[in-house]
Amino acid sequence: MTGSDDAFLPPDPAALGGAGPAAQDDSGVAAVLARQTDALMARSGVVMVGETRDAQGRPAILVGVRTSRDIARLPRDVDGVPVVLQVVGDVVAL
């Protein structure tokens, strides 16, 4: 910037491409989890759910399952938010 007339304008996220607002916004993931946690946890093999980032760095839902066989039965997105599936085995609360 060279003068007082120059102003910084942040980039428009829509112009950068990518997923819709729910997948770009951490609060969108939290809202989806608030609505869908019970339904996800009720599915066979699911041992935990939480928030994470997908391979592109977008906010996503993390679903931990007992075995790799459990992955095939689960969705790849929930309410437009990407789902990251991970085999974690049995989870034991201490």
C-alpha atoms as a PDB file:
ATOM      1  CA  MET A   1       0.000   0.000   0.000  1.00  0.00           C
ATOM      2  CA  THR A   2       1.360   3.304  -0.972  1.00  0.00           C
ATOM      3  CA  GLY A   3      -1.186   5.880   0.094  1.00  0.00           C
ATOM      4  CA  SER A   4      -4.099   6.670   2.309  1.00  0.00           C
ATOM      5  CA  ASP A   5      -6.529   5.903  -0.533  1.00  0.00           C
ATOM      6  CA  ASP A   6      -5.457   2.265  -0.543  1.00  0.00           C
ATOM      7  CA  ALA A   7      -7.598   0.070   1.637  1.00  0.00           C
ATOM      8  CA  PHE A   8      -7.200  -3.594   2.411  1.00  0.00           C
ATOM      9  CA  LEU A   9     -10.155  -5.668   1.327  1.00  0.00           C
ATOM     10  CA  PRO A  10     -10.136  -9.302   2.438  1.00  0.00           C
ATOM     11  CA  PRO A  11     -10.797 -11.847  -0.299  1.00  0.00           C
ATOM     12  CA  ASP A  12     -14.364 -12.910  -0.902  1.00  0.00           C
ATOM     13  CA  PRO A  13     -14.572 -16.592   0.198  1.00  0.00           C
ATOM     14  CA  ALA A  14     -17.179 -17.284  -2.493  1.00  0.00           C
ATOM     15  CA  ALA A  15     -14.754 -16.062  -5.154  1.00  0.00           C
ATOM     16  CA  LEU A  16     -12.135 -18.513  -3.903  1.00  0.00           C
ATOM     17  CA  GLY A  17     -14.373 -21.535  -4.537  1.00  0.00           C
ATOM     18  CA  GLY A  18     -14.817 -24.416  -2.150  1.00  0.00           C
ATOM     19  CA  ALA A  19     -17.773 -25.820  -0.307  1.00  0.00           C
ATOM     20  CA  GLY A  20     -20.863 -24.082   0.949  1.00  0.00           C
ATOM     21  CA  PRO A  21     -21.089 -22.023   4.147  1.00  0.00           C
ATOM     22  CA  ALA A  22     -21.692 -24.964   6.494  1.00  0.00           C
ATOM     23  CA  ALA A  23     -18.501 -26.676   5.341  1.00  0.00           C
ATOM     24  CA  GLN A  24     -16.433 -23.459   5.480  1.00  0.00           C
ATOM     25  CA  ASP A  25     -17.522 -22.289   8.908  1.00  0.00           C
ATOM     26  CA  ASP A  26     -16.561 -24.007  12.176  1.00  0.00           C
ATOM     27  CA  SER A  27     -19.852 -22.893  13.744  1.00  0.00           C
ATOM     28  CA  GLY A  28     -21.656 -24.671  10.885  1.00  0.00           C
ATOM     29  CA  VAL A  29     -19.954 -27.916  11.861  1.00  0.00           C
ATOM     30  CA  ALA A  30     -20.895 -27.373  15.509  1.00  0.00           C
ATOM     31  CA  ALA A  31     -24.528 -26.780  14.547  1.00  0.00           C
ATOM     32  CA  VAL A  32     -24.641 -29.932  12.415  1.00  0.00           C
ATOM     33  CA  LEU A  33     -23.040 -31.935  15.228  1.00  0.00           C
ATOM     34  CA  ALA A  34     -25.578 -30.564  17.700  1.00  0.00           C
ATOM     35  CA  ARG A  35     -28.374 -31.862  15.466  1.00  0.00           C
ATOM     36  CA  GLN A  36     -26.780 -35.120  14.274  1.00  0.00           C
ATOM     37  CA  THR A  37     -24.537 -36.504  17.062  1.00  0.00           C
ATOM     38  CA  ASP A  38     -27.185 -38.841  18.499  1.00  0.00           C
ATOM     39  CA  ALA A  39     -28.043 -40.231  15.048  1.00  0.00           C
ATOM     40  CA  LEU A  40     -24.380 -40.756  14.164  1.00  0.00           C
ATOM     41  CA  MET A  41     -23.573 -42.393  17.512  1.00  0.00           C
ATOM     42  CA  ALA A  42     -26.540 -44.765  17.079  1.00  0.00           C
ATOM     43  CA  ARG A  43     -25.012 -46.211  13.904  1.00  0.00           C
ATOM     44  CA  SER A  44     -23.300 -49.578  14.137  1.00  0.00           C
ATOM     45  CA  GLY A  45     -19.576 -49.355  14.813  1.00  0.00           C
ATOM     46  CA  VAL A  46     -19.443 -45.626  15.606  1.00  0.00           C
ATOM     47  CA  VAL A  47     -17.566 -44.957  18.853  1.00  0.00           C
ATOM     48  CA  MET A  48     -17.028 -41.178  18.712  1.00  0.00           C
ATOM     49  CA  VAL A  49     -17.803 -38.004  16.773  1.00  0.00           C
ATOM     50  CA  GLY A  50     -16.181 -34.593  16.823  1.00  0.00           C
ATOM     51  CA  GLU A  51     -14.837 -31.713  14.767  1.00  0.00           C
ATOM     52  CA  THR A  52     -11.776 -31.862  12.526  1.00  0.00           C
ATOM     53  CA  ARG A  53     -10.500 -30.614   9.156  1.00  0.00           C
ATOM     54  CA  ASP A  54     -10.676 -32.574   5.919  1.00  0.00           C
ATOM     55  CA  ALA A  55      -7.756 -33.109   3.515  1.00  0.00           C
ATOM     56  CA  GLN A  56      -8.407 -29.677   1.960  1.00  0.00           C
ATOM     57  CA  GLY A  57      -8.346 -27.942   5.352  1.00  0.00           C
ATOM     58  CA  ARG A  58     -12.101 -27.346   5.491  1.00  0.00           C
ATOM     59  CA  PRO A  59     -13.995 -27.821   8.767  1.00  0.00           C
ATOM     60  CA  ALA A  60     -15.442 -31.334   8.872  1.00  0.00           C
ATOM     61  CA  ILE A  61     -17.067 -33.907  11.113  1.00  0.00           C
ATOM     62  CA  LEU A  62     -14.806 -36.643  12.478  1.00  0.00           C
ATOM     63  CA  VAL A  63     -16.440 -40.037  12.938  1.00  0.00           C
ATOM     64  CA  GLY A  64     -14.396 -42.679  14.732  1.00  0.00           C
ATOM     65  CA  VAL A  65     -15.312 -46.319  14.140  1.00  0.00           C
ATOM     66  CA  ARG A  66     -14.255 -49.639  15.673  1.00  0.00           C
ATOM     67  CA  THR A  67     -13.098 -51.386  12.479  1.00  0.00           C
ATOM     68  CA  SER A  68     -12.555 -50.641   8.812  1.00  0.00           C
ATOM     69  CA  ARG A  69     -15.662 -52.714   8.020  1.00  0.00           C
ATOM     70  CA  ASP A  70     -17.758 -50.049   9.754  1.00  0.00           C
ATOM     71  CA  ILE A  71     -16.638 -47.324   7.328  1.00  0.00           C
ATOM     72  CA  ALA A  72     -18.590 -48.655   4.334  1.00  0.00           C
ATOM     73  CA  ARG A  73     -21.941 -48.064   6.054  1.00  0.00           C
ATOM     74  CA  LEU A  74     -21.377 -44.395   6.884  1.00  0.00           C
ATOM     75  CA  PRO A  75     -22.095 -41.203   4.932  1.00  0.00           C
ATOM     76  CA  ARG A  76     -19.344 -39.087   3.363  1.00  0.00           C
ATOM     77  CA  ASP A  77     -21.166 -35.881   4.281  1.00  0.00           C
ATOM     78  CA  VAL A  78     -23.858 -34.855   6.747  1.00  0.00           C
ATOM     79  CA  ASP A  79     -26.052 -31.850   5.988  1.00  0.00           C
ATOM     80  CA  GLY A  80     -23.460 -30.684   3.458  1.00  0.00           C
ATOM     81  CA  VAL A  81     -20.513 -30.945   5.867  1.00  0.00           C
ATOM     82  CA  PRO A  82     -17.739 -33.366   4.846  1.00  0.00           C
ATOM     83  CA  VAL A  83     -17.189 -36.405   7.071  1.00  0.00           C
ATOM     84  CA  VAL A  84     -13.716 -37.729   7.875  1.00  0.00           C
ATOM     85  CA  LEU A  85     -13.868 -41.404   8.855  1.00  0.00           C
ATOM     86  CA  GLN A  86     -11.151 -42.901  11.034  1.00  0.00           C
ATOM     87  CA  VAL A  87     -10.675 -46.346  12.565  1.00  0.00           C
ATOM     88  CA  VAL A  88     -10.004 -45.808  16.279  1.00  0.00           C
ATOM     89  CA  GLY A  89     -10.968 -49.148  17.802  1.00  0.00           C
ATOM     90  CA  ASP A  90     -12.864 -49.317  21.089  1.00  0.00           C
ATOM     91  CA  VAL A  91     -12.983 -46.139  23.143  1.00  0.00           C
ATOM     92  CA  VAL A  92     -12.863 -46.527  26.899  1.00  0.00           C
ATOM     93  CA  ALA A  93     -13.739 -43.615  29.189  1.00  0.00           C
ATOM     94  CA  LEU A  94     -11.429 -43.250  32.175  1.00  0.00           C
END
